[in-house]
Amino acid sequence: MSNSYVLGIAVGIAFGIMLVAFIFSYLKKKGKDICEYDERQKLAQLKGWKAAFIAAVCFDIINAAVVEARGPWSGMMVMAICSLYVGVGAYAAVCIVKDAYTPLHRRAGRYILLLLALALVNIAIGALNCQSTGLIKNGMLTMSWVNFFAAALLIGIDAVYAIDVLVKRRRAGGLEREEYVGAYEKP
């Protein structure tokens, strides 16, 4: 990997951190609390961090065994990013199932659409990267795969989110029907 590529990654990360910090400071000045989580959600997020750590460590152990047995399947950076993605996916799944992924009183629809849009952007960027670097070089996956892995992660999180919303709506609808039927039964 060239120095300019690494420098570009570092500048991108630094810019992203500065942008997020600016948005948070702006909203704090306006008096809006965008991260309003209750105690139950914070405890569920801790369980999500635990699941993320365990998932990432398990991926690293399995990856090390595969590399030892068959040789590297990609560069070290791609393997490290995949480990990060596995951890993020585990965290998101646990938090979504335990209703701790989004702040209180926020609807899931906007987040589902945002994740889907980000997945489509990653697919487009991955396709553009494939034209310049290709998918496989010297028998190993190239950095072009990182965007496809990110898209798969986002689509997976989106699927968990959508299934969770549907299950909770079905449960809520079932409870309402039971209460309605129970209200008109003779004791």
C-alpha atoms as a PDB file:
ATOM      1  CA  MET A   1       0.000   0.000   0.000  1.00  0.00           C
ATOM      2  CA  SER A   2       1.430   3.337  -0.993  1.00  0.00           C
ATOM      3  CA  ASN A   3       2.092   6.185   1.426  1.00  0.00           C
ATOM      4  CA  SER A   4      -0.387   8.445  -0.338  1.00  0.00           C
ATOM      5  CA  TYR A   5      -3.124   5.840   0.141  1.00  0.00           C
ATOM      6  CA  VAL A   6      -2.405   5.583   3.883  1.00  0.00           C
ATOM      7  CA  LEU A   7      -2.249   9.376   4.139  1.00  0.00           C
ATOM      8  CA  GLY A   8      -5.611   9.608   2.376  1.00  0.00           C
ATOM      9  CA  ILE A   9      -7.153   7.172   4.853  1.00  0.00           C
ATOM     10  CA  ALA A  10      -5.714   9.122   7.805  1.00  0.00           C
ATOM     11  CA  VAL A  11      -6.979  12.455   6.454  1.00  0.00           C
ATOM     12  CA  GLY A  12     -10.418  10.951   5.809  1.00  0.00           C
ATOM     13  CA  ILE A  13     -10.650   9.598   9.344  1.00  0.00           C
ATOM     14  CA  ALA A  14      -9.505  12.909  10.824  1.00  0.00           C
ATOM     15  CA  PHE A  15     -12.035  14.824   8.704  1.00  0.00           C
ATOM     16  CA  GLY A  16     -14.817  12.452   9.772  1.00  0.00           C
ATOM     17  CA  ILE A  17     -13.983  12.881  13.457  1.00  0.00           C
ATOM     18  CA  MET A  18     -13.905  16.663  13.091  1.00  0.00           C
ATOM     19  CA  LEU A  19     -17.242  16.671  11.254  1.00  0.00           C
ATOM     20  CA  VAL A  20     -18.933  14.560  13.930  1.00  0.00           C
ATOM     21  CA  ALA A  21     -17.455  16.737  16.696  1.00  0.00           C
ATOM     22  CA  PHE A  22     -18.705  19.873  14.916  1.00  0.00           C
ATOM     23  CA  ILE A  23     -22.223  18.459  14.540  1.00  0.00           C
ATOM     24  CA  PHE A  24     -22.368  17.440  18.206  1.00  0.00           C
ATOM     25  CA  SER A  25     -21.089  20.822  19.410  1.00  0.00           C
ATOM     26  CA  TYR A  26     -23.557  22.655  17.155  1.00  0.00           C
ATOM     27  CA  LEU A  27     -26.509  20.631  18.410  1.00  0.00           C
ATOM     28  CA  LYS A  28     -25.379  21.024  22.007  1.00  0.00           C
ATOM     29  CA  LYS A  29     -25.349  24.814  21.578  1.00  0.00           C
ATOM     30  CA  LYS A  30     -28.882  24.635  20.180  1.00  0.00           C
ATOM     31  CA  GLY A  31     -29.941  22.688  23.272  1.00  0.00           C
ATOM     32  CA  LYS A  32     -30.887  19.522  21.443  1.00  0.00           C
ATOM     33  CA  ASP A  33     -29.808  16.220  22.957  1.00  0.00           C
ATOM     34  CA  ILE A  34     -29.503  13.813  20.042  1.00  0.00           C
ATOM     35  CA  CYS A  35     -28.294  10.892  22.148  1.00  0.00           C
ATOM     36  CA  GLU A  36     -31.010  10.434  24.730  1.00  0.00           C
ATOM     37  CA  TYR A  37     -30.716   6.862  26.009  1.00  0.00           C
ATOM     38  CA  ASP A  38     -32.266   5.520  29.193  1.00  0.00           C
ATOM     39  CA  GLU A  39     -30.507   3.212  31.664  1.00  0.00           C
ATOM     40  CA  ARG A  40     -31.938   0.056  30.084  1.00  0.00           C
ATOM     41  CA  GLN A  41     -30.581   1.062  26.697  1.00  0.00           C
ATOM     42  CA  LYS A  42     -27.156   1.870  28.118  1.00  0.00           C
ATOM     43  CA  LEU A  43     -26.967  -1.571  29.748  1.00  0.00           C
ATOM     44  CA  ALA A  44     -28.008  -3.186  26.467  1.00  0.00           C
ATOM     45  CA  GLN A  45     -25.288  -1.213  24.661  1.00  0.00           C
ATOM     46  CA  LEU A  46     -22.725  -2.604  27.094  1.00  0.00           C
ATOM     47  CA  LYS A  47     -23.909  -6.102  26.154  1.00  0.00           C
ATOM     48  CA  GLY A  48     -23.516  -5.064  22.522  1.00  0.00           C
ATOM     49  CA  TRP A  49     -19.900  -3.983  23.130  1.00  0.00           C
ATOM     50  CA  LYS A  50     -19.221  -7.327  24.797  1.00  0.00           C
ATOM     51  CA  ALA A  51     -20.722  -9.185  21.834  1.00  0.00           C
ATOM     52  CA  ALA A  52     -18.676  -7.031  19.432  1.00  0.00           C
ATOM     53  CA  PHE A  53     -15.446  -7.830  21.249  1.00  0.00           C
ATOM     54  CA  ILE A  54     -16.170 -11.561  21.355  1.00  0.00           C
ATOM     55  CA  ALA A  55     -17.191 -11.636  17.680  1.00  0.00           C
ATOM     56  CA  ALA A  56     -14.076  -9.734  16.570  1.00  0.00           C
ATOM     57  CA  VAL A  57     -11.771 -11.968  18.631  1.00  0.00           C
ATOM     58  CA  CYS A  58     -13.451 -15.112  17.273  1.00  0.00           C
ATOM     59  CA  PHE A  59     -13.076 -13.785  13.725  1.00  0.00           C
ATOM     60  CA  ASP A  60      -9.396 -13.062  14.345  1.00  0.00           C
ATOM     61  CA  ILE A  61      -8.806 -16.564  15.739  1.00  0.00           C
ATOM     62  CA  ILE A  62     -10.603 -18.247  12.834  1.00  0.00           C
ATOM     63  CA  ASN A  63      -8.842 -15.952  10.362  1.00  0.00           C
ATOM     64  CA  ALA A  64      -5.446 -16.791  11.881  1.00  0.00           C
ATOM     65  CA  ALA A  65      -6.202 -20.513  11.601  1.00  0.00           C
ATOM     66  CA  VAL A  66      -7.240 -20.134   7.955  1.00  0.00           C
ATOM     67  CA  VAL A  67      -4.152 -18.061   7.133  1.00  0.00           C
ATOM     68  CA  GLU A  68      -1.932 -20.600   8.882  1.00  0.00           C
ATOM     69  CA  ALA A  69      -3.523 -23.526   7.040  1.00  0.00           C
ATOM     70  CA  ARG A  70      -4.015 -22.067   3.567  1.00  0.00           C
ATOM     71  CA  GLY A  71      -2.028 -18.850   3.427  1.00  0.00           C
ATOM     72  CA  PRO A  72      -3.288 -15.268   3.333  1.00  0.00           C
ATOM     73  CA  TRP A  73      -6.570 -14.695   1.534  1.00  0.00           C
ATOM     74  CA  SER A  74      -6.072 -10.926   1.460  1.00  0.00           C
ATOM     75  CA  GLY A  75      -3.794  -8.178   2.678  1.00  0.00           C
ATOM     76  CA  MET A  76      -3.503  -7.445   6.393  1.00  0.00           C
ATOM     77  CA  MET A  77      -5.519  -4.224   6.102  1.00  0.00           C
ATOM     78  CA  VAL A  78      -8.487  -6.026   4.527  1.00  0.00           C
ATOM     79  CA  MET A  79      -8.389  -8.676   7.255  1.00  0.00           C
ATOM     80  CA  ALA A  80      -8.272  -6.020   9.978  1.00  0.00           C
ATOM     81  CA  ILE A  81     -11.174  -4.102   8.452  1.00  0.00           C
ATOM     82  CA  CYS A  82     -13.204  -7.314   8.155  1.00  0.00           C
ATOM     83  CA  SER A  83     -12.582  -7.959  11.865  1.00  0.00           C
ATOM     84  CA  LEU A  84     -13.844  -4.465  12.617  1.00  0.00           C
ATOM     85  CA  TYR A  85     -16.930  -5.034  10.463  1.00  0.00           C
ATOM     86  CA  VAL A  86     -17.732  -8.301  12.259  1.00  0.00           C
ATOM     87  CA  GLY A  87     -17.556  -6.488  15.592  1.00  0.00           C
ATOM     88  CA  VAL A  88     -19.739  -3.615  14.380  1.00  0.00           C
ATOM     89  CA  GLY A  89     -22.269  -6.096  13.013  1.00  0.00           C
ATOM     90  CA  ALA A  90     -22.462  -7.957  16.332  1.00  0.00           C
ATOM     91  CA  TYR A  91     -22.850  -4.699  18.267  1.00  0.00           C
ATOM     92  CA  ALA A  92     -25.593  -3.470  15.955  1.00  0.00           C
ATOM     93  CA  ALA A  93     -27.509  -6.761  16.062  1.00  0.00           C
ATOM     94  CA  VAL A  94     -27.495  -6.941  19.867  1.00  0.00           C
ATOM     95  CA  CYS A  95     -28.472  -3.284  20.260  1.00  0.00           C
ATOM     96  CA  ILE A  96     -31.246  -3.495  17.670  1.00  0.00           C
ATOM     97  CA  VAL A  97     -32.794  -6.588  19.240  1.00  0.00           C
ATOM     98  CA  LYS A  98     -32.655  -4.968  22.694  1.00  0.00           C
ATOM     99  CA  ASP A  99     -34.046  -1.592  21.462  1.00  0.00           C
ATOM    100  CA  ALA A 100     -30.847   0.268  22.249  1.00  0.00           C
ATOM    101  CA  TYR A 101     -29.565   1.117  18.767  1.00  0.00           C
ATOM    102  CA  THR A 102     -31.357   4.431  18.354  1.00  0.00           C
ATOM    103  CA  PRO A 103     -32.153   7.112  20.930  1.00  0.00           C
ATOM    104  CA  LEU A 104     -35.525   7.275  22.636  1.00  0.00           C
ATOM    105  CA  HIS A 105     -38.572   8.331  20.624  1.00  0.00           C
ATOM    106  CA  ARG A 106     -36.929   7.880  17.225  1.00  0.00           C
ATOM    107  CA  ARG A 107     -38.583   5.963  14.424  1.00  0.00           C
ATOM    108  CA  ALA A 108     -36.637   3.210  12.717  1.00  0.00           C
ATOM    109  CA  GLY A 109     -37.707   4.065   9.167  1.00  0.00           C
ATOM    110  CA  ARG A 110     -35.215   6.866   8.631  1.00  0.00           C
ATOM    111  CA  TYR A 111     -32.351   4.712   9.908  1.00  0.00           C
ATOM    112  CA  ILE A 112     -33.312   1.787   7.695  1.00  0.00           C
ATOM    113  CA  LEU A 113     -33.348   4.076   4.634  1.00  0.00           C
ATOM    114  CA  LEU A 114     -30.037   5.690   5.638  1.00  0.00           C
ATOM    115  CA  LEU A 115     -28.330   2.312   6.015  1.00  0.00           C
ATOM    116  CA  LEU A 116     -29.692   1.190   2.664  1.00  0.00           C
ATOM    117  CA  ALA A 117     -28.474   4.384   0.973  1.00  0.00           C
ATOM    118  CA  LEU A 118     -25.023   3.956   2.524  1.00  0.00           C
ATOM    119  CA  ALA A 119     -24.924   0.352   1.317  1.00  0.00           C
ATOM    120  CA  LEU A 120     -25.742   1.442  -2.236  1.00  0.00           C
ATOM    121  CA  VAL A 121     -23.025   4.124  -2.100  1.00  0.00           C
ATOM    122  CA  ASN A 122     -20.504   1.514  -0.919  1.00  0.00           C
ATOM    123  CA  ILE A 123     -21.480  -0.823  -3.753  1.00  0.00           C
ATOM    124  CA  ALA A 124     -20.993   1.998  -6.271  1.00  0.00           C
ATOM    125  CA  ILE A 125     -17.599   2.952  -4.803  1.00  0.00           C
ATOM    126  CA  GLY A 126     -16.550  -0.699  -4.727  1.00  0.00           C
ATOM    127  CA  ALA A 127     -17.494  -1.088  -8.387  1.00  0.00           C
ATOM    128  CA  LEU A 128     -15.458   2.001  -9.312  1.00  0.00           C
ATOM    129  CA  ASN A 129     -12.479   0.704  -7.315  1.00  0.00           C
ATOM    130  CA  CYS A 130     -12.710  -2.658  -9.072  1.00  0.00           C
ATOM    131  CA  GLN A 131     -12.201  -0.974 -12.414  1.00  0.00           C
ATOM    132  CA  SER A 132      -8.891   0.500 -11.303  1.00  0.00           C
ATOM    133  CA  THR A 133      -7.446  -2.192  -9.028  1.00  0.00           C
ATOM    134  CA  GLY A 134      -9.417  -5.341  -9.774  1.00  0.00           C
ATOM    135  CA  LEU A 135     -10.855  -7.740  -7.232  1.00  0.00           C
ATOM    136  CA  ILE A 136      -8.043 -10.268  -6.975  1.00  0.00           C
ATOM    137  CA  LYS A 137      -4.327  -9.650  -7.216  1.00  0.00           C
ATOM    138  CA  ASN A 138      -1.687 -12.349  -6.719  1.00  0.00           C
ATOM    139  CA  GLY A 139      -4.370 -14.748  -5.514  1.00  0.00           C
ATOM    140  CA  MET A 140      -5.542 -12.412  -2.721  1.00  0.00           C
ATOM    141  CA  LEU A 141      -8.509 -10.094  -2.342  1.00  0.00           C
ATOM    142  CA  THR A 142      -7.683  -6.430  -2.913  1.00  0.00           C
ATOM    143  CA  MET A 143      -8.793  -3.356  -0.976  1.00  0.00           C
ATOM    144  CA  SER A 144     -11.681  -3.018  -3.451  1.00  0.00           C
ATOM    145  CA  TRP A 145     -13.488  -5.687  -1.461  1.00  0.00           C
ATOM    146  CA  VAL A 146     -13.660  -3.469   1.630  1.00  0.00           C
ATOM    147  CA  ASN A 147     -16.526  -1.444   0.149  1.00  0.00           C
ATOM    148  CA  PHE A 148     -18.424  -4.610  -0.771  1.00  0.00           C
ATOM    149  CA  PHE A 149     -17.906  -5.954   2.759  1.00  0.00           C
ATOM    150  CA  ALA A 150     -19.169  -2.623   4.151  1.00  0.00           C
ATOM    151  CA  ALA A 151     -22.241  -2.848   1.922  1.00  0.00           C
ATOM    152  CA  ALA A 152     -22.886  -6.412   3.101  1.00  0.00           C
ATOM    153  CA  LEU A 153     -22.557  -5.269   6.723  1.00  0.00           C
ATOM    154  CA  LEU A 154     -24.983  -2.377   6.198  1.00  0.00           C
ATOM    155  CA  ILE A 155     -27.500  -4.568   4.396  1.00  0.00           C
ATOM    156  CA  GLY A 156     -27.210  -7.145   7.198  1.00  0.00           C
ATOM    157  CA  ILE A 157     -27.813  -4.489   9.860  1.00  0.00           C
ATOM    158  CA  ASP A 158     -30.709  -3.177   7.767  1.00  0.00           C
ATOM    159  CA  ALA A 159     -32.205  -6.681   7.561  1.00  0.00           C
ATOM    160  CA  VAL A 160     -31.941  -7.186  11.333  1.00  0.00           C
ATOM    161  CA  TYR A 161     -33.530  -3.774  11.875  1.00  0.00           C
ATOM    162  CA  ALA A 162     -36.393  -4.449   9.444  1.00  0.00           C
ATOM    163  CA  ILE A 163     -37.092  -7.918  10.887  1.00  0.00           C
ATOM    164  CA  ASP A 164     -37.043  -6.494  14.413  1.00  0.00           C
ATOM    165  CA  VAL A 165     -39.525  -3.765  13.460  1.00  0.00           C
ATOM    166  CA  LEU A 166     -41.837  -6.287  11.775  1.00  0.00           C
ATOM    167  CA  VAL A 167     -41.720  -8.694  14.731  1.00  0.00           C
ATOM    168  CA  LYS A 168     -42.472  -5.914  17.200  1.00  0.00           C
ATOM    169  CA  ARG A 169     -45.355  -4.614  15.076  1.00  0.00           C
ATOM    170  CA  ARG A 170     -46.797  -8.108  14.816  1.00  0.00           C
ATOM    171  CA  ARG A 171     -46.521  -8.577  18.599  1.00  0.00           C
ATOM    172  CA  ALA A 172     -48.159  -5.215  19.228  1.00  0.00           C
ATOM    173  CA  GLY A 173     -50.942  -6.037  16.766  1.00  0.00           C
ATOM    174  CA  GLY A 174     -51.460  -9.439  18.378  1.00  0.00           C
ATOM    175  CA  LEU A 175     -51.747  -7.918  21.846  1.00  0.00           C
ATOM    176  CA  GLU A 176     -54.293  -5.381  20.657  1.00  0.00           C
ATOM    177  CA  ARG A 177     -56.404  -8.125  19.065  1.00  0.00           C
ATOM    178  CA  GLU A 178     -56.276 -10.228  22.241  1.00  0.00           C
ATOM    179  CA  GLU A 179     -57.315  -7.258  24.377  1.00  0.00           C
ATOM    180  CA  TYR A 180     -60.126  -6.407  21.947  1.00  0.00           C
ATOM    181  CA  VAL A 181     -61.487  -9.975  21.906  1.00  0.00           C
ATOM    182  CA  GLY A 182     -61.080 -10.285  25.683  1.00  0.00           C
ATOM    183  CA  ALA A 183     -63.037  -7.089  26.295  1.00  0.00           C
ATOM    184  CA  TYR A 184     -66.229  -8.489  24.741  1.00  0.00           C
ATOM    185  CA  GLU A 185     -66.146 -11.975  26.194  1.00  0.00           C
ATOM    186  CA  LYS A 186     -68.546 -12.855  28.946  1.00  0.00           C
ATOM    187  CA  PRO A 187     -66.875 -13.504  32.307  1.00  0.00           C
END
